[in-house]
Amino acid sequence: MADTEKNVDALAGEFKQLRSEFARIAQLLEQTARAAGSEAASRAKAAGDYVWSETQTTADHVAEKIREQPLASAGVAFGVGVLLGLIFGGRR
């Protein structure tokens, strides 16, 4: 019976140590996930900033072309409108 109690005490000690190790592993996983999430958020923000910058540059370029050639721009806009009307209006 003494051996059994020793074994039970040894198992209890091992379980305590395992519990401590699992807690440490969980903490490390949480820290890793937060760091990865932060890095992913930073990358997404950088990509969004780049896309927004490119969009603004393109919009400024288009606006400049419209100011330089208003009649040609109006003609192109009209043609695109007619084409889209034919494409989407013909499906009714």
N, C-alpha and C. Protein backbone atom coordinates (compact mmCIF):
# COMPACT_ATOMS: atom_id res chain seq x y z
N MET A 1 0.82 -1.18 0.00
CA MET A 1 0.00 0.00 0.00
C MET A 1 0.87 1.25 0.00
N ALA A 2 2.00 1.19 0.64
CA ALA A 2 2.90 2.34 0.68
C ALA A 2 3.41 2.65 -0.72
N ASP A 3 3.67 1.59 -1.49
CA ASP A 3 4.12 1.81 -2.87
C ASP A 3 3.03 2.48 -3.69
N THR A 4 1.80 2.08 -3.48
CA THR A 4 0.68 2.67 -4.21
C THR A 4 0.56 4.15 -3.88
N GLU A 5 0.65 4.49 -2.62
CA GLU A 5 0.56 5.90 -2.22
C GLU A 5 1.72 6.70 -2.82
N LYS A 6 2.91 6.11 -2.84
CA LYS A 6 4.06 6.78 -3.43
C LYS A 6 3.82 7.02 -4.92
N ASN A 7 3.29 6.00 -5.58
CA ASN A 7 3.00 6.13 -7.01
C ASN A 7 1.93 7.19 -7.27
N VAL A 8 0.91 7.22 -6.44
CA VAL A 8 -0.16 8.22 -6.59
C VAL A 8 0.42 9.61 -6.36
N ASP A 9 1.25 9.76 -5.33
CA ASP A 9 1.88 11.05 -5.06
C ASP A 9 2.79 11.46 -6.23
N ALA A 10 3.52 10.50 -6.77
CA ALA A 10 4.39 10.78 -7.90
C ALA A 10 3.57 11.21 -9.12
N LEU A 11 2.45 10.52 -9.35
CA LEU A 11 1.57 10.88 -10.47
C LEU A 11 0.98 12.27 -10.28
N ALA A 12 0.58 12.57 -9.04
CA ALA A 12 0.02 13.89 -8.75
C ALA A 12 1.07 14.96 -9.03
N GLY A 13 2.30 14.71 -8.63
CA GLY A 13 3.38 15.66 -8.91
C GLY A 13 3.61 15.83 -10.40
N GLU A 14 3.58 14.73 -11.14
CA GLU A 14 3.76 14.79 -12.59
C GLU A 14 2.62 15.58 -13.25
N PHE A 15 1.39 15.36 -12.78
CA PHE A 15 0.26 16.10 -13.33
C PHE A 15 0.37 17.59 -13.05
N LYS A 16 0.85 17.95 -11.86
CA LYS A 16 1.06 19.36 -11.53
C LYS A 16 2.08 19.97 -12.49
N GLN A 17 3.15 19.23 -12.71
CA GLN A 17 4.20 19.72 -13.60
C GLN A 17 3.65 19.83 -15.03
N LEU A 18 2.88 18.84 -15.46
CA LEU A 18 2.28 18.90 -16.80
C LEU A 18 1.33 20.08 -16.93
N ARG A 19 0.54 20.31 -15.89
CA ARG A 19 -0.39 21.44 -15.91
C ARG A 19 0.38 22.75 -16.05
N SER A 20 1.48 22.85 -15.33
CA SER A 20 2.32 24.04 -15.41
C SER A 20 2.90 24.20 -16.82
N GLU A 21 3.35 23.10 -17.40
CA GLU A 21 3.91 23.13 -18.75
C GLU A 21 2.84 23.51 -19.78
N PHE A 22 1.65 22.96 -19.63
CA PHE A 22 0.57 23.30 -20.56
C PHE A 22 0.19 24.76 -20.43
N ALA A 23 0.18 25.29 -19.24
CA ALA A 23 -0.11 26.71 -19.04
C ALA A 23 0.95 27.57 -19.73
N ARG A 24 2.21 27.16 -19.62
CA ARG A 24 3.29 27.90 -20.26
C ARG A 24 3.16 27.82 -21.79
N ILE A 25 2.83 26.64 -22.30
CA ILE A 25 2.64 26.46 -23.74
C ILE A 25 1.48 27.31 -24.24
N ALA A 26 0.39 27.32 -23.49
CA ALA A 26 -0.77 28.14 -23.87
C ALA A 26 -0.40 29.62 -23.91
N GLN A 27 0.38 30.05 -22.95
CA GLN A 27 0.81 31.45 -22.92
C GLN A 27 1.68 31.77 -24.13
N LEU A 28 2.60 30.87 -24.47
CA LEU A 28 3.45 31.07 -25.65
C LEU A 28 2.63 31.10 -26.94
N LEU A 29 1.65 30.22 -27.02
CA LEU A 29 0.77 30.21 -28.21
C LEU A 29 -0.01 31.51 -28.32
N GLU A 30 -0.50 31.99 -27.20
CA GLU A 30 -1.25 33.25 -27.21
C GLU A 30 -0.35 34.40 -27.65
N GLN A 31 0.87 34.46 -27.13
CA GLN A 31 1.80 35.52 -27.52
C GLN A 31 2.13 35.44 -29.01
N THR A 32 2.33 34.22 -29.49
CA THR A 32 2.63 34.03 -30.90
C THR A 32 1.45 34.46 -31.78
N ALA A 33 0.25 34.09 -31.37
CA ALA A 33 -0.94 34.47 -32.14
C ALA A 33 -1.12 35.98 -32.16
N ARG A 34 -0.88 36.63 -31.04
CA ARG A 34 -1.01 38.09 -31.00
C ARG A 34 0.01 38.76 -31.90
N ALA A 35 1.25 38.26 -31.85
CA ALA A 35 2.29 38.83 -32.70
C ALA A 35 1.95 38.62 -34.18
N ALA A 36 1.49 37.43 -34.52
CA ALA A 36 1.12 37.15 -35.91
C ALA A 36 -0.06 38.01 -36.33
N GLY A 37 -1.03 38.18 -35.44
CA GLY A 37 -2.18 39.03 -35.75
C GLY A 37 -1.77 40.47 -35.95
N SER A 38 -0.87 40.94 -35.12
CA SER A 38 -0.37 42.31 -35.24
C SER A 38 0.39 42.49 -36.54
N GLU A 39 1.21 41.50 -36.88
CA GLU A 39 1.98 41.57 -38.13
C GLU A 39 1.03 41.54 -39.33
N ALA A 40 0.02 40.68 -39.28
CA ALA A 40 -0.94 40.59 -40.38
C ALA A 40 -1.71 41.91 -40.52
N ALA A 41 -2.08 42.50 -39.39
CA ALA A 41 -2.79 43.78 -39.42
C ALA A 41 -1.91 44.87 -40.02
N SER A 42 -0.64 44.87 -39.67
CA SER A 42 0.29 45.86 -40.23
C SER A 42 0.43 45.68 -41.74
N ARG A 43 0.54 44.43 -42.17
CA ARG A 43 0.65 44.17 -43.61
C ARG A 43 -0.62 44.58 -44.34
N ALA A 44 -1.77 44.28 -43.76
CA ALA A 44 -3.04 44.64 -44.40
C ALA A 44 -3.17 46.16 -44.48
N LYS A 45 -2.77 46.86 -43.44
CA LYS A 45 -2.84 48.33 -43.45
C LYS A 45 -1.91 48.89 -44.52
N ALA A 46 -0.70 48.35 -44.61
CA ALA A 46 0.24 48.82 -45.63
C ALA A 46 -0.31 48.58 -47.03
N ALA A 47 -0.90 47.42 -47.24
CA ALA A 47 -1.49 47.11 -48.55
C ALA A 47 -2.64 48.05 -48.85
N GLY A 48 -3.48 48.30 -47.85
CA GLY A 48 -4.60 49.22 -48.03
C GLY A 48 -4.13 50.63 -48.33
N ASP A 49 -3.10 51.08 -47.63
CA ASP A 49 -2.55 52.41 -47.88
C ASP A 49 -2.00 52.51 -49.30
N TYR A 50 -1.33 51.45 -49.75
CA TYR A 50 -0.78 51.45 -51.11
C TYR A 50 -1.90 51.52 -52.15
N VAL A 51 -2.92 50.69 -51.96
CA VAL A 51 -4.04 50.68 -52.92
C VAL A 51 -4.73 52.04 -52.94
N TRP A 52 -4.93 52.63 -51.76
CA TRP A 52 -5.59 53.93 -51.68
C TRP A 52 -4.75 54.99 -52.39
N SER A 53 -3.44 54.97 -52.19
CA SER A 53 -2.54 55.92 -52.84
C SER A 53 -2.60 55.77 -54.36
N GLU A 54 -2.56 54.53 -54.83
CA GLU A 54 -2.62 54.28 -56.28
C GLU A 54 -3.96 54.72 -56.85
N THR A 55 -5.03 54.48 -56.10
CA THR A 55 -6.37 54.89 -56.55
C THR A 55 -6.45 56.40 -56.67
N GLN A 56 -5.93 57.10 -55.67
CA GLN A 56 -5.95 58.57 -55.72
C GLN A 56 -5.12 59.09 -56.89
N THR A 57 -3.96 58.49 -57.12
CA THR A 57 -3.11 58.91 -58.24
C THR A 57 -3.82 58.70 -59.56
N THR A 58 -4.45 57.55 -59.72
CA THR A 58 -5.18 57.26 -60.96
C THR A 58 -6.37 58.21 -61.13
N ALA A 59 -7.10 58.45 -60.06
CA ALA A 59 -8.24 59.38 -60.13
C ALA A 59 -7.77 60.78 -60.50
N ASP A 60 -6.65 61.22 -59.92
CA ASP A 60 -6.11 62.54 -60.27
C ASP A 60 -5.70 62.59 -61.73
N HIS A 61 -5.10 61.51 -62.23
CA HIS A 61 -4.69 61.44 -63.63
C HIS A 61 -5.90 61.50 -64.56
N VAL A 62 -6.93 60.75 -64.24
CA VAL A 62 -8.16 60.76 -65.05
C VAL A 62 -8.80 62.15 -65.03
N ALA A 63 -8.86 62.77 -63.86
CA ALA A 63 -9.45 64.12 -63.76
C ALA A 63 -8.65 65.11 -64.60
N GLU A 64 -7.34 64.97 -64.60
CA GLU A 64 -6.49 65.86 -65.40
C GLU A 64 -6.76 65.66 -66.89
N LYS A 65 -6.90 64.42 -67.32
CA LYS A 65 -7.19 64.13 -68.74
C LYS A 65 -8.56 64.69 -69.13
N ILE A 66 -9.52 64.61 -68.22
CA ILE A 66 -10.86 65.14 -68.50
C ILE A 66 -10.78 66.65 -68.67
N ARG A 67 -10.00 67.32 -67.81
CA ARG A 67 -9.85 68.78 -67.93
C ARG A 67 -9.14 69.15 -69.24
N GLU A 68 -8.16 68.33 -69.65
CA GLU A 68 -7.41 68.62 -70.87
C GLU A 68 -8.27 68.40 -72.12
N GLN A 69 -9.11 67.37 -72.11
CA GLN A 69 -9.91 67.03 -73.29
C GLN A 69 -11.36 66.74 -72.89
N PRO A 70 -12.11 67.79 -72.56
CA PRO A 70 -13.47 67.55 -72.06
C PRO A 70 -14.42 66.94 -73.09
N LEU A 71 -14.32 67.33 -74.36
CA LEU A 71 -15.24 66.78 -75.36
C LEU A 71 -14.94 65.30 -75.63
N ALA A 72 -13.67 64.97 -75.75
CA ALA A 72 -13.32 63.57 -75.97
C ALA A 72 -13.73 62.72 -74.77
N SER A 73 -13.55 63.25 -73.58
CA SER A 73 -13.93 62.53 -72.36
C SER A 73 -15.44 62.31 -72.30
N ALA A 74 -16.20 63.33 -72.70
CA ALA A 74 -17.65 63.19 -72.71
C ALA A 74 -18.07 62.14 -73.73
N GLY A 75 -17.41 62.12 -74.89
CA GLY A 75 -17.72 61.13 -75.92
C GLY A 75 -17.42 59.71 -75.45
N VAL A 76 -16.28 59.55 -74.79
CA VAL A 76 -15.92 58.22 -74.28
C VAL A 76 -16.92 57.79 -73.21
N ALA A 77 -17.27 58.70 -72.30
CA ALA A 77 -18.24 58.38 -71.24
C ALA A 77 -19.58 58.00 -71.85
N PHE A 78 -20.01 58.73 -72.89
CA PHE A 78 -21.27 58.41 -73.56
C PHE A 78 -21.21 57.02 -74.19
N GLY A 79 -20.11 56.74 -74.89
CA GLY A 79 -19.95 55.43 -75.54
C GLY A 79 -19.95 54.29 -74.54
N VAL A 80 -19.26 54.47 -73.42
CA VAL A 80 -19.23 53.43 -72.39
C VAL A 80 -20.63 53.24 -71.81
N GLY A 81 -21.35 54.35 -71.62
CA GLY A 81 -22.72 54.26 -71.09
C GLY A 81 -23.64 53.50 -72.03
N VAL A 82 -23.53 53.78 -73.33
CA VAL A 82 -24.35 53.07 -74.33
C VAL A 82 -24.00 51.58 -74.33
N LEU A 83 -22.70 51.28 -74.31
CA LEU A 83 -22.26 49.88 -74.31
C LEU A 83 -22.78 49.15 -73.07
N LEU A 84 -22.65 49.75 -71.89
CA LEU A 84 -23.15 49.12 -70.67
C LEU A 84 -24.68 48.98 -70.71
N GLY A 85 -25.35 49.97 -71.29
CA GLY A 85 -26.80 49.88 -71.42
C GLY A 85 -27.22 48.72 -72.30
N LEU A 86 -26.48 48.51 -73.39
CA LEU A 86 -26.79 47.40 -74.28
C LEU A 86 -26.52 46.04 -73.59
N ILE A 87 -25.41 45.99 -72.87
CA ILE A 87 -25.04 44.74 -72.21
C ILE A 87 -26.04 44.38 -71.12
N PHE A 88 -26.33 45.33 -70.23
CA PHE A 88 -27.18 45.04 -69.09
C PHE A 88 -28.67 45.24 -69.40
N GLY A 89 -28.98 46.06 -70.38
CA GLY A 89 -30.37 46.28 -70.75
C GLY A 89 -30.93 45.15 -71.59
N GLY A 90 -30.06 44.45 -72.31
CA GLY A 90 -30.48 43.36 -73.17
C GLY A 90 -30.81 42.08 -72.42
N ARG A 91 -30.52 42.03 -71.16
CA ARG A 91 -30.76 40.81 -70.37
C ARG A 91 -32.13 40.79 -69.71
N ARG A 92 -32.91 41.77 -69.92
CA ARG A 92 -34.23 41.83 -69.28
C ARG A 92 -35.19 40.84 -69.84
